[in-house]
Amino acid sequence: MSKEGFLTLLGAVFLGAVGQISIKAGVMHLKEAFGENLSIPLILQNPVRVLMSPWILGGFTAYAFSSLIWLTLASRYRLSLIYPMVAMGYVFVVLGSIVVFHDRPTIYTWIALTFIVVGVSLLAKTGG
């Protein structure tokens, strides 16, 4: 995989992580607005309010752009090479959660993330 391809792949994964963080922020705001956690019945009773939440809409938009990038990647590279790299999304989400939500990962989380980064690095270096 070329450097450009790898950076494009990381960009797609990063957008997916941004989508996750945005959706989490959106449901937190909606929880405050509704006074309770979201549930399927609550979403079905208020679909426009939920789906038009700026954070949730932003999250779905990030997913959409990520999906468009995946279309180009899937046309160029083997799925057995690119799909395992989606695991980097876990790393991006944890880092984003620390910054945005002030999460405090455990030592086990850091160890697991280290394994993911090493694995993805090996996969990228060897070409799958």
N, C-alpha and C. Protein backbone atom coordinates (compact mmCIF):
# COMPACT_ATOMS: atom_id res chain seq x y z
N MET A 1 0.85 -1.17 0.00
CA MET A 1 0.00 0.00 0.00
C MET A 1 0.90 1.24 0.00
N SER A 2 0.55 2.18 -0.83
CA SER A 2 1.33 3.41 -0.91
C SER A 2 1.10 4.26 0.33
N LYS A 3 1.99 5.21 0.53
CA LYS A 3 1.84 6.14 1.66
C LYS A 3 0.53 6.92 1.51
N GLU A 4 0.24 7.33 0.28
CA GLU A 4 -1.00 8.07 0.01
C GLU A 4 -2.23 7.21 0.35
N GLY A 5 -2.18 5.93 -0.05
CA GLY A 5 -3.28 5.03 0.24
C GLY A 5 -3.47 4.83 1.74
N PHE A 6 -2.34 4.69 2.46
CA PHE A 6 -2.41 4.50 3.91
C PHE A 6 -2.99 5.74 4.58
N LEU A 7 -2.56 6.91 4.15
CA LEU A 7 -3.08 8.15 4.74
C LEU A 7 -4.57 8.33 4.42
N THR A 8 -4.97 7.94 3.22
CA THR A 8 -6.39 8.00 2.86
C THR A 8 -7.20 7.05 3.73
N LEU A 9 -6.66 5.87 3.94
CA LEU A 9 -7.32 4.89 4.81
C LEU A 9 -7.45 5.42 6.22
N LEU A 10 -6.38 5.99 6.75
CA LEU A 10 -6.45 6.57 8.10
C LEU A 10 -7.46 7.71 8.15
N GLY A 11 -7.55 8.47 7.08
CA GLY A 11 -8.54 9.55 7.02
C GLY A 11 -9.96 9.01 7.10
N ALA A 12 -10.22 7.93 6.38
CA ALA A 12 -11.55 7.32 6.41
C ALA A 12 -11.87 6.79 7.81
N VAL A 13 -10.90 6.14 8.43
CA VAL A 13 -11.09 5.60 9.78
C VAL A 13 -11.29 6.75 10.77
N PHE A 14 -10.50 7.81 10.61
CA PHE A 14 -10.62 8.97 11.49
C PHE A 14 -12.01 9.59 11.38
N LEU A 15 -12.53 9.72 10.16
CA LEU A 15 -13.88 10.26 9.99
C LEU A 15 -14.93 9.39 10.68
N GLY A 16 -14.74 8.08 10.62
CA GLY A 16 -15.64 7.18 11.33
C GLY A 16 -15.60 7.42 12.83
N ALA A 17 -14.40 7.65 13.36
CA ALA A 17 -14.25 7.93 14.79
C ALA A 17 -14.89 9.27 15.15
N VAL A 18 -14.71 10.26 14.29
CA VAL A 18 -15.36 11.56 14.51
C VAL A 18 -16.87 11.38 14.54
N GLY A 19 -17.38 10.51 13.66
CA GLY A 19 -18.81 10.22 13.66
C GLY A 19 -19.27 9.63 14.99
N GLN A 20 -18.51 8.69 15.53
CA GLN A 20 -18.85 8.08 16.82
C GLN A 20 -18.88 9.11 17.94
N ILE A 21 -17.85 9.94 17.98
CA ILE A 21 -17.76 10.95 19.04
C ILE A 21 -18.88 11.97 18.90
N SER A 22 -19.19 12.37 17.68
CA SER A 22 -20.27 13.33 17.46
C SER A 22 -21.62 12.76 17.89
N ILE A 23 -21.85 11.51 17.55
CA ILE A 23 -23.12 10.88 17.93
C ILE A 23 -23.22 10.77 19.45
N LYS A 24 -22.13 10.41 20.10
CA LYS A 24 -22.13 10.35 21.57
C LYS A 24 -22.45 11.72 22.16
N ALA A 25 -21.83 12.78 21.63
CA ALA A 25 -22.13 14.13 22.10
C ALA A 25 -23.60 14.47 21.88
N GLY A 26 -24.12 14.05 20.72
CA GLY A 26 -25.53 14.30 20.42
C GLY A 26 -26.48 13.62 21.37
N VAL A 27 -26.21 12.36 21.68
CA VAL A 27 -27.12 11.65 22.59
C VAL A 27 -27.01 12.19 24.01
N MET A 28 -25.83 12.70 24.37
CA MET A 28 -25.70 13.32 25.69
C MET A 28 -26.55 14.59 25.77
N HIS A 29 -26.54 15.39 24.70
CA HIS A 29 -27.38 16.59 24.68
C HIS A 29 -28.87 16.23 24.68
N LEU A 30 -29.21 15.21 23.92
CA LEU A 30 -30.63 14.79 23.89
C LEU A 30 -31.06 14.19 25.22
N LYS A 31 -30.17 13.51 25.89
CA LYS A 31 -30.50 12.98 27.21
C LYS A 31 -30.87 14.11 28.16
N GLU A 32 -30.12 15.21 28.09
CA GLU A 32 -30.44 16.38 28.91
C GLU A 32 -31.79 16.97 28.49
N ALA A 33 -32.04 17.04 27.19
CA ALA A 33 -33.28 17.64 26.69
C ALA A 33 -34.50 16.80 27.05
N PHE A 34 -34.36 15.47 26.91
CA PHE A 34 -35.49 14.58 27.18
C PHE A 34 -35.59 14.18 28.65
N GLY A 35 -34.51 14.35 29.38
CA GLY A 35 -34.50 13.96 30.79
C GLY A 35 -34.36 12.47 31.00
N GLU A 36 -33.96 11.75 29.97
CA GLU A 36 -33.76 10.30 30.08
C GLU A 36 -32.87 9.82 28.95
N ASN A 37 -32.34 8.60 29.10
CA ASN A 37 -31.55 8.00 28.03
C ASN A 37 -32.42 7.75 26.82
N LEU A 38 -31.81 7.79 25.65
CA LEU A 38 -32.56 7.49 24.43
C LEU A 38 -32.93 6.01 24.41
N SER A 39 -34.09 5.74 23.89
CA SER A 39 -34.56 4.38 23.68
C SER A 39 -35.21 4.35 22.30
N ILE A 40 -35.41 3.17 21.79
CA ILE A 40 -36.05 3.06 20.46
C ILE A 40 -37.43 3.74 20.48
N PRO A 41 -38.29 3.49 21.48
CA PRO A 41 -39.59 4.17 21.47
C PRO A 41 -39.45 5.70 21.52
N LEU A 42 -38.50 6.20 22.30
CA LEU A 42 -38.31 7.65 22.39
C LEU A 42 -37.82 8.22 21.06
N ILE A 43 -36.94 7.50 20.39
CA ILE A 43 -36.46 7.93 19.08
C ILE A 43 -37.60 7.92 18.07
N LEU A 44 -38.41 6.86 18.09
CA LEU A 44 -39.53 6.76 17.15
C LEU A 44 -40.60 7.82 17.39
N GLN A 45 -40.72 8.28 18.64
CA GLN A 45 -41.68 9.34 18.95
C GLN A 45 -41.15 10.72 18.53
N ASN A 46 -39.83 10.85 18.42
CA ASN A 46 -39.21 12.14 18.13
C ASN A 46 -38.14 12.02 17.05
N PRO A 47 -38.44 11.39 15.91
CA PRO A 47 -37.37 11.12 14.95
C PRO A 47 -36.72 12.37 14.37
N VAL A 48 -37.50 13.39 14.10
CA VAL A 48 -36.93 14.61 13.51
C VAL A 48 -36.02 15.30 14.52
N ARG A 49 -36.47 15.40 15.73
CA ARG A 49 -35.66 16.05 16.78
C ARG A 49 -34.35 15.30 17.00
N VAL A 50 -34.41 13.98 16.99
CA VAL A 50 -33.20 13.18 17.20
C VAL A 50 -32.28 13.28 16.00
N LEU A 51 -32.81 13.02 14.82
CA LEU A 51 -31.96 12.98 13.62
C LEU A 51 -31.48 14.35 13.18
N MET A 52 -32.18 15.40 13.56
CA MET A 52 -31.75 16.74 13.19
C MET A 52 -30.91 17.42 14.27
N SER A 53 -30.60 16.67 15.32
CA SER A 53 -29.66 17.20 16.31
C SER A 53 -28.35 17.49 15.59
N PRO A 54 -27.79 18.69 15.75
CA PRO A 54 -26.57 19.03 15.02
C PRO A 54 -25.44 18.02 15.23
N TRP A 55 -25.27 17.54 16.44
CA TRP A 55 -24.19 16.59 16.70
C TRP A 55 -24.45 15.25 16.01
N ILE A 56 -25.67 14.78 16.07
CA ILE A 56 -26.00 13.50 15.44
C ILE A 56 -25.94 13.64 13.93
N LEU A 57 -26.47 14.71 13.40
CA LEU A 57 -26.39 14.95 11.96
C LEU A 57 -24.93 15.04 11.51
N GLY A 58 -24.11 15.71 12.30
CA GLY A 58 -22.69 15.79 11.99
C GLY A 58 -22.02 14.42 12.03
N GLY A 59 -22.42 13.60 12.99
CA GLY A 59 -21.87 12.25 13.07
C GLY A 59 -22.21 11.41 11.86
N PHE A 60 -23.47 11.48 11.45
CA PHE A 60 -23.87 10.72 10.25
C PHE A 60 -23.20 11.26 8.99
N THR A 61 -22.98 12.57 8.95
CA THR A 61 -22.28 13.16 7.81
C THR A 61 -20.84 12.66 7.75
N ALA A 62 -20.19 12.61 8.90
CA ALA A 62 -18.82 12.08 8.94
C ALA A 62 -18.79 10.63 8.46
N TYR A 63 -19.78 9.83 8.90
CA TYR A 63 -19.88 8.44 8.42
C TYR A 63 -20.07 8.38 6.92
N ALA A 64 -20.89 9.28 6.39
CA ALA A 64 -21.15 9.27 4.95
C ALA A 64 -19.87 9.56 4.17
N PHE A 65 -19.11 10.55 4.59
CA PHE A 65 -17.84 10.84 3.90
C PHE A 65 -16.86 9.69 4.06
N SER A 66 -16.83 9.10 5.23
CA SER A 66 -15.97 7.94 5.45
C SER A 66 -16.35 6.81 4.48
N SER A 67 -17.63 6.60 4.30
CA SER A 67 -18.11 5.55 3.38
C SER A 67 -17.72 5.84 1.94
N LEU A 68 -17.78 7.10 1.54
CA LEU A 68 -17.37 7.45 0.18
C LEU A 68 -15.89 7.17 -0.03
N ILE A 69 -15.09 7.47 0.97
CA ILE A 69 -13.66 7.17 0.87
C ILE A 69 -13.44 5.67 0.79
N TRP A 70 -14.22 4.91 1.59
CA TRP A 70 -14.09 3.44 1.55
C TRP A 70 -14.38 2.88 0.16
N LEU A 71 -15.32 3.49 -0.55
CA LEU A 71 -15.60 3.03 -1.91
C LEU A 71 -14.34 3.10 -2.77
N THR A 72 -13.61 4.20 -2.65
CA THR A 72 -12.40 4.33 -3.46
C THR A 72 -11.32 3.35 -2.99
N LEU A 73 -11.21 3.17 -1.68
CA LEU A 73 -10.20 2.25 -1.16
C LEU A 73 -10.50 0.80 -1.55
N ALA A 74 -11.79 0.43 -1.48
CA ALA A 74 -12.17 -0.94 -1.82
C ALA A 74 -11.92 -1.25 -3.28
N SER A 75 -11.92 -0.23 -4.12
CA SER A 75 -11.67 -0.47 -5.53
C SER A 75 -10.17 -0.62 -5.83
N ARG A 76 -9.32 -0.23 -4.89
CA ARG A 76 -7.88 -0.25 -5.13
C ARG A 76 -7.11 -1.32 -4.37
N TYR A 77 -7.61 -1.70 -3.19
CA TYR A 77 -6.84 -2.58 -2.31
C TYR A 77 -7.65 -3.80 -1.89
N ARG A 78 -6.92 -4.83 -1.50
CA ARG A 78 -7.56 -6.05 -1.01
C ARG A 78 -8.27 -5.75 0.32
N LEU A 79 -9.44 -6.29 0.45
CA LEU A 79 -10.19 -6.11 1.68
C LEU A 79 -9.45 -6.70 2.88
N SER A 80 -8.73 -7.78 2.64
CA SER A 80 -7.97 -8.41 3.73
C SER A 80 -6.84 -7.51 4.23
N LEU A 81 -6.47 -6.52 3.46
CA LEU A 81 -5.47 -5.54 3.89
C LEU A 81 -6.12 -4.34 4.56
N ILE A 82 -7.14 -3.79 3.93
CA ILE A 82 -7.67 -2.52 4.44
C ILE A 82 -8.64 -2.68 5.61
N TYR A 83 -9.43 -3.74 5.62
CA TYR A 83 -10.45 -3.82 6.67
C TYR A 83 -9.86 -3.98 8.07
N PRO A 84 -8.83 -4.78 8.27
CA PRO A 84 -8.27 -4.86 9.64
C PRO A 84 -7.79 -3.51 10.17
N MET A 85 -7.47 -2.59 9.28
CA MET A 85 -7.00 -1.28 9.73
C MET A 85 -8.12 -0.42 10.32
N VAL A 86 -9.35 -0.87 10.18
CA VAL A 86 -10.46 -0.19 10.83
C VAL A 86 -10.25 -0.20 12.35
N ALA A 87 -9.46 -1.13 12.84
CA ALA A 87 -9.18 -1.20 14.27
C ALA A 87 -8.55 0.09 14.79
N MET A 88 -7.91 0.86 13.92
CA MET A 88 -7.36 2.14 14.35
C MET A 88 -8.46 3.08 14.80
N GLY A 89 -9.68 2.82 14.39
CA GLY A 89 -10.81 3.61 14.86
C GLY A 89 -10.95 3.54 16.37
N TYR A 90 -10.64 2.38 16.95
CA TYR A 90 -10.68 2.25 18.41
C TYR A 90 -9.71 3.22 19.05
N VAL A 91 -8.54 3.33 18.48
CA VAL A 91 -7.52 4.23 19.01
C VAL A 91 -8.02 5.67 18.92
N PHE A 92 -8.52 6.06 17.76
CA PHE A 92 -9.00 7.43 17.57
C PHE A 92 -10.17 7.76 18.50
N VAL A 93 -11.07 6.79 18.69
CA VAL A 93 -12.23 7.04 19.56
C VAL A 93 -11.78 7.22 21.01
N VAL A 94 -10.87 6.38 21.46
CA VAL A 94 -10.39 6.52 22.84
C VAL A 94 -9.70 7.87 23.03
N LEU A 95 -8.82 8.24 22.10
CA LEU A 95 -8.13 9.53 22.22
C LEU A 95 -9.12 10.69 22.17
N GLY A 96 -10.09 10.60 21.27
CA GLY A 96 -11.11 11.64 21.19
C GLY A 96 -11.97 11.70 22.44
N SER A 97 -12.26 10.55 23.02
CA SER A 97 -13.06 10.51 24.24
C SER A 97 -12.34 11.15 25.42
N ILE A 98 -11.03 11.00 25.42
CA ILE A 98 -10.24 11.64 26.47
C ILE A 98 -10.34 13.16 26.34
N VAL A 99 -10.20 13.64 25.11
CA VAL A 99 -10.21 15.08 24.86
C VAL A 99 -11.62 15.66 25.05
N VAL A 100 -12.61 15.03 24.46
CA VAL A 100 -13.96 15.61 24.42
C VAL A 100 -14.75 15.32 25.70
N PHE A 101 -14.69 14.08 26.16
CA PHE A 101 -15.53 13.67 27.29
C PHE A 101 -14.75 13.49 28.60
N HIS A 102 -13.46 13.71 28.55
CA HIS A 102 -12.59 13.55 29.72
C HIS A 102 -12.62 12.13 30.29
N ASP A 103 -12.75 11.16 29.39
CA ASP A 103 -12.69 9.75 29.80
C ASP A 103 -11.30 9.46 30.37
N ARG A 104 -11.24 8.45 31.23
CA ARG A 104 -9.96 8.05 31.82
C ARG A 104 -9.77 6.55 31.58
N PRO A 105 -9.12 6.20 30.47
CA PRO A 105 -8.90 4.78 30.16
C PRO A 105 -8.02 4.11 31.20
N THR A 106 -8.24 2.81 31.34
CA THR A 106 -7.43 2.02 32.28
C THR A 106 -6.13 1.61 31.60
N ILE A 107 -5.23 1.07 32.38
CA ILE A 107 -3.97 0.57 31.84
C ILE A 107 -4.23 -0.54 30.82
N TYR A 108 -5.27 -1.32 31.03
CA TYR A 108 -5.60 -2.39 30.09
C TYR A 108 -6.04 -1.83 28.74
N THR A 109 -6.72 -0.70 28.78
CA THR A 109 -7.10 -0.04 27.52
C THR A 109 -5.86 0.39 26.76
N TRP A 110 -4.90 0.99 27.47
CA TRP A 110 -3.67 1.43 26.81
C TRP A 110 -2.87 0.26 26.25
N ILE A 111 -2.84 -0.84 26.97
CA ILE A 111 -2.14 -2.04 26.47
C ILE A 111 -2.82 -2.55 25.21
N ALA A 112 -4.14 -2.63 25.24
CA ALA A 112 -4.89 -3.10 24.07
C ALA A 112 -4.67 -2.18 22.87
N LEU A 113 -4.69 -0.88 23.11
CA LEU A 113 -4.48 0.07 22.01
C LEU A 113 -3.07 -0.06 21.44
N THR A 114 -2.10 -0.35 22.31
CA THR A 114 -0.73 -0.57 21.84
C THR A 114 -0.68 -1.76 20.90
N PHE A 115 -1.35 -2.85 21.27
CA PHE A 115 -1.40 -4.03 20.39
C PHE A 115 -2.04 -3.68 19.04
N ILE A 116 -3.09 -2.88 19.07
CA ILE A 116 -3.75 -2.50 17.83
C ILE A 116 -2.80 -1.71 16.94
N VAL A 117 -2.13 -0.72 17.51
CA VAL A 117 -1.22 0.11 16.72
C VAL A 117 -0.08 -0.73 16.15
N VAL A 118 0.48 -1.63 16.96
CA VAL A 118 1.56 -2.50 16.47
C VAL A 118 1.04 -3.39 15.35
N GLY A 119 -0.13 -3.98 15.54
CA GLY A 119 -0.70 -4.86 14.52
C GLY A 119 -0.98 -4.14 13.22
N VAL A 120 -1.56 -2.97 13.31
CA VAL A 120 -1.86 -2.21 12.09
C VAL A 120 -0.56 -1.78 11.41
N SER A 121 0.43 -1.40 12.19
CA SER A 121 1.73 -1.00 11.62
C SER A 121 2.36 -2.16 10.88
N LEU A 122 2.33 -3.36 11.47
CA LEU A 122 2.88 -4.54 10.81
C LEU A 122 2.13 -4.86 9.52
N LEU A 123 0.82 -4.76 9.60
CA LEU A 123 -0.01 -5.03 8.43
C LEU A 123 0.30 -4.05 7.30
N ALA A 124 0.43 -2.76 7.66
CA ALA A 124 0.72 -1.75 6.64
C ALA A 124 2.12 -1.96 6.05
N LYS A 125 3.07 -2.30 6.90
CA LYS A 125 4.45 -2.48 6.44
C LYS A 125 4.61 -3.69 5.53
N THR A 126 3.92 -4.77 5.88
CA THR A 126 4.06 -6.00 5.10
C THR A 126 3.10 -6.07 3.93
N GLY A 127 2.13 -5.16 3.89
CA GLY A 127 1.17 -5.16 2.79
C GLY A 127 0.09 -6.21 2.94
N GLY A 128 -0.11 -6.68 4.16
CA GLY A 128 -1.18 -7.63 4.44
C GLY A 128 -0.76 -9.05 4.21
